[in-house]
């Protein structure tokens, strides 16, 4: 398993496909060598961290 460094103050961005009325919001931030994903309704909750390659594969799969 590869270690991915985390920044002290990550700049979280909300997905452009998140709905403002339903509260179904996903936020992303870049990390050195990876991407972190979290639920904007629970910013102190669990965070999924994946490599940039794995994240790119996920996005490609979702677009198909």
C-alpha atoms as a PDB file:
ATOM      1  CA  UNK A   1       0.000   0.000   0.000  1.00  0.00           C
ATOM      2  CA  UNK A   2       1.312   3.420  -0.947  1.00  0.00           C
ATOM      3  CA  UNK A   3       1.437   6.255   1.612  1.00  0.00           C
ATOM      4  CA  UNK A   4      -0.215   9.521   0.575  1.00  0.00           C
ATOM      5  CA  UNK A   5       0.709  12.750   2.365  1.00  0.00           C
ATOM      6  CA  UNK A   6      -1.995  15.085   3.624  1.00  0.00           C
ATOM      7  CA  UNK A   7      -1.728  18.868   3.671  1.00  0.00           C
ATOM      8  CA  UNK A   8      -2.320  20.844   6.875  1.00  0.00           C
ATOM      9  CA  UNK A   9      -5.249  22.836   5.467  1.00  0.00           C
ATOM     10  CA  UNK A  10      -6.662  21.096   2.394  1.00  0.00           C
ATOM     11  CA  UNK A  11      -8.689  23.258  -0.001  1.00  0.00           C
ATOM     12  CA  UNK A  12     -11.932  21.272  -0.302  1.00  0.00           C
ATOM     13  CA  UNK A  13     -14.035  21.788  -3.454  1.00  0.00           C
ATOM     14  CA  UNK A  14     -17.658  20.760  -3.797  1.00  0.00           C
ATOM     15  CA  UNK A  15     -18.594  18.677  -6.818  1.00  0.00           C
ATOM     16  CA  UNK A  16     -20.388  20.633  -9.535  1.00  0.00           C
ATOM     17  CA  UNK A  17     -22.884  17.746  -9.710  1.00  0.00           C
ATOM     18  CA  UNK A  18     -23.848  18.000  -6.043  1.00  0.00           C
ATOM     19  CA  UNK A  19     -27.386  19.150  -5.418  1.00  0.00           C
ATOM     20  CA  UNK A  20     -27.975  22.205  -3.268  1.00  0.00           C
ATOM     21  CA  UNK A  21     -31.472  21.147  -2.202  1.00  0.00           C
ATOM     22  CA  UNK A  22     -30.962  17.452  -1.483  1.00  0.00           C
ATOM     23  CA  UNK A  23     -27.829  17.834   0.581  1.00  0.00           C
ATOM     24  CA  UNK A  24     -26.066  15.119  -1.433  1.00  0.00           C
ATOM     25  CA  UNK A  25     -22.708  16.839  -1.660  1.00  0.00           C
ATOM     26  CA  UNK A  26     -19.295  15.376  -2.308  1.00  0.00           C
ATOM     27  CA  UNK A  27     -16.149  17.400  -1.701  1.00  0.00           C
ATOM     28  CA  UNK A  28     -12.673  16.748  -3.077  1.00  0.00           C
ATOM     29  CA  UNK A  29      -9.191  17.976  -2.340  1.00  0.00           C
ATOM     30  CA  UNK A  30      -5.853  17.258  -3.955  1.00  0.00           C
ATOM     31  CA  UNK A  31      -3.154  15.647  -1.899  1.00  0.00           C
ATOM     32  CA  UNK A  32       0.441  15.009  -2.813  1.00  0.00           C
ATOM     33  CA  UNK A  33       0.041  11.887  -4.934  1.00  0.00           C
ATOM     34  CA  UNK A  34      -3.677  11.452  -4.345  1.00  0.00           C
ATOM     35  CA  UNK A  35      -7.209  12.749  -3.945  1.00  0.00           C
ATOM     36  CA  UNK A  36      -9.348  12.866  -0.805  1.00  0.00           C
ATOM     37  CA  UNK A  37     -13.152  12.586  -0.989  1.00  0.00           C
ATOM     38  CA  UNK A  38     -15.627  13.347   1.813  1.00  0.00           C
ATOM     39  CA  UNK A  39     -19.303  13.994   2.514  1.00  0.00           C
ATOM     40  CA  UNK A  40     -19.781  17.755   2.885  1.00  0.00           C
ATOM     41  CA  UNK A  41     -22.533  17.176   5.463  1.00  0.00           C
ATOM     42  CA  UNK A  42     -20.021  15.376   7.680  1.00  0.00           C
ATOM     43  CA  UNK A  43     -16.663  17.138   7.204  1.00  0.00           C
ATOM     44  CA  UNK A  44     -15.225  15.554  10.363  1.00  0.00           C
ATOM     45  CA  UNK A  45     -16.359  12.076   9.313  1.00  0.00           C
ATOM     46  CA  UNK A  46     -14.585   9.489   7.219  1.00  0.00           C
ATOM     47  CA  UNK A  47     -12.479  10.562   4.255  1.00  0.00           C
ATOM     48  CA  UNK A  48     -11.693   8.308   1.308  1.00  0.00           C
ATOM     49  CA  UNK A  49      -8.138   8.769   0.013  1.00  0.00           C
ATOM     50  CA  UNK A  50      -7.135   7.286  -3.340  1.00  0.00           C
ATOM     51  CA  UNK A  51      -4.197   7.656  -5.693  1.00  0.00           C
ATOM     52  CA  UNK A  52      -4.583  10.060  -8.615  1.00  0.00           C
ATOM     53  CA  UNK A  53      -4.511   7.145 -11.071  1.00  0.00           C
ATOM     54  CA  UNK A  54      -7.280   5.319  -9.208  1.00  0.00           C
ATOM     55  CA  UNK A  55      -9.342   8.509  -9.000  1.00  0.00           C
ATOM     56  CA  UNK A  56      -8.929   9.119 -12.742  1.00  0.00           C
ATOM     57  CA  UNK A  57     -10.091   5.537 -13.401  1.00  0.00           C
ATOM     58  CA  UNK A  58     -13.116   6.087 -11.146  1.00  0.00           C
ATOM     59  CA  UNK A  59     -14.104   9.290 -12.952  1.00  0.00           C
ATOM     60  CA  UNK A  60     -13.692   7.607 -16.335  1.00  0.00           C
ATOM     61  CA  UNK A  61     -15.895   4.708 -15.213  1.00  0.00           C
ATOM     62  CA  UNK A  62     -18.572   7.047 -13.874  1.00  0.00           C
ATOM     63  CA  UNK A  63     -18.678   9.019 -17.128  1.00  0.00           C
ATOM     64  CA  UNK A  64     -19.338   5.826 -19.104  1.00  0.00           C
END
